Amino acid sequence: MNITDVRIRKVAKEGKMKAIVSITIDNQFVIHDIKVIEGEKGLFIAMPSRKASDGEYRDIAHPINTETRESLQKLILDTYEKMA
């Protein structure tokens, strides 16, 4: 899997959410609405989610292992930092 494009839209208003990200995988598949969030330990990403009937939020799309999540987060946050 190769991330072939990362598009970042910074959020102008104050708050913990800093940007909304779209990634393209292998020039064939896009995931929209990945969020860059400022947490207590620094920046992290949150995958797109939807509120379920029980009130909990569930990811719509997400990596299935830690290695892929860490790789994706590093790529997105590195790209975000270059924009700052």
Protein backbone atom coordinates (compact mmCIF):
# COMPACT_ATOMS: atom_id res chain seq x y z
CA MET A 1 0.00 0.00 0.00
CA ASN A 2 1.40 3.37 -1.03
CA ILE A 3 -0.06 6.70 0.04
CA THR A 4 0.15 8.61 -3.22
CA ASP A 5 -1.43 11.90 -2.10
CA VAL A 6 -2.08 13.74 1.17
CA ARG A 7 -4.34 16.81 1.17
CA ILE A 8 -4.62 18.87 4.34
CA ARG A 9 -7.17 21.59 5.10
CA LYS A 10 -6.27 23.50 8.24
CA VAL A 11 -9.14 24.38 10.58
CA ALA A 12 -9.29 28.13 11.19
CA LYS A 13 -11.26 28.19 14.44
CA GLU A 14 -9.80 27.66 17.91
CA GLY A 15 -10.03 24.21 19.43
CA LYS A 16 -8.36 20.84 19.52
CA MET A 17 -9.04 19.90 15.90
CA LYS A 18 -6.25 21.40 13.78
CA ALA A 19 -6.90 19.98 10.28
CA ILE A 20 -8.99 17.69 8.11
CA VAL A 21 -7.04 15.31 5.86
CA SER A 22 -7.78 13.25 2.75
CA ILE A 23 -5.38 10.53 1.62
CA THR A 24 -5.17 8.67 -1.67
CA ILE A 25 -3.95 5.07 -1.68
CA ASP A 26 -2.21 3.71 -4.80
CA ASN A 27 -3.85 6.44 -6.92
CA GLN A 28 -7.04 4.38 -6.68
CA PHE A 29 -8.78 4.81 -3.30
CA VAL A 30 -9.48 7.92 -1.19
CA ILE A 31 -10.21 8.26 2.51
CA HIS A 32 -11.65 11.65 3.53
CA ASP A 33 -12.20 13.27 6.93
CA ILE A 34 -9.17 12.07 8.85
CA LYS A 35 -8.74 14.59 11.67
CA VAL A 36 -5.51 16.03 13.09
CA ILE A 37 -6.15 16.67 16.78
CA GLU A 38 -4.07 18.35 19.50
CA GLY A 39 -4.08 16.09 22.55
CA GLU A 40 -2.36 16.26 25.92
CA LYS A 41 0.64 14.36 24.53
CA GLY A 42 0.78 16.21 21.19
CA LEU A 43 -0.77 15.78 17.77
CA PHE A 44 -2.50 12.58 16.69
CA ILE A 45 -4.90 11.48 13.95
CA ALA A 46 -8.48 10.28 14.30
CA MET A 47 -9.97 8.21 11.52
CA PRO A 48 -13.37 9.11 10.00
CA SER A 49 -16.21 8.02 12.28
CA ARG A 50 -19.98 7.97 12.58
CA LYS A 51 -22.18 8.19 15.65
CA ALA A 52 -23.92 4.84 16.29
CA SER A 53 -27.42 4.43 17.70
CA ASP A 54 -25.94 3.80 21.18
CA GLY A 55 -24.26 7.24 21.12
CA GLU A 56 -20.75 5.84 20.65
CA TYR A 57 -18.59 6.92 17.72
CA ARG A 58 -17.31 4.10 15.48
CA ASP A 59 -14.56 4.39 12.87
CA ILE A 60 -15.82 4.05 9.30
CA ALA A 61 -12.37 3.24 7.88
CA HIS A 62 -9.24 2.44 9.85
CA PRO A 63 -5.92 0.57 9.74
CA ILE A 64 -6.18 -2.98 11.07
CA ASN A 65 -2.77 -3.09 12.73
CA THR A 66 -0.56 -0.83 14.81
CA GLU A 67 2.28 -0.69 12.28
CA THR A 68 0.01 0.66 9.54
CA ARG A 69 -1.64 3.18 11.91
CA GLU A 70 1.75 4.48 13.08
CA SER A 71 3.03 4.75 9.50
CA LEU A 72 -0.09 6.61 8.37
CA GLN A 73 0.00 8.94 11.38
CA LYS A 74 3.69 9.75 10.83
CA LEU A 75 3.12 10.56 7.16
CA ILE A 76 0.11 12.79 7.87
CA LEU A 77 1.70 14.61 10.82
CA ASP A 78 4.98 15.15 8.94
CA THR A 79 3.02 16.66 6.04
CA TYR A 80 1.00 18.81 8.47
CA GLU A 81 4.15 20.10 10.19
CA LYS A 82 5.68 21.10 6.84
CA MET A 83 2.64 23.33 6.21
CA ALA A 84 3.04 25.20 9.51
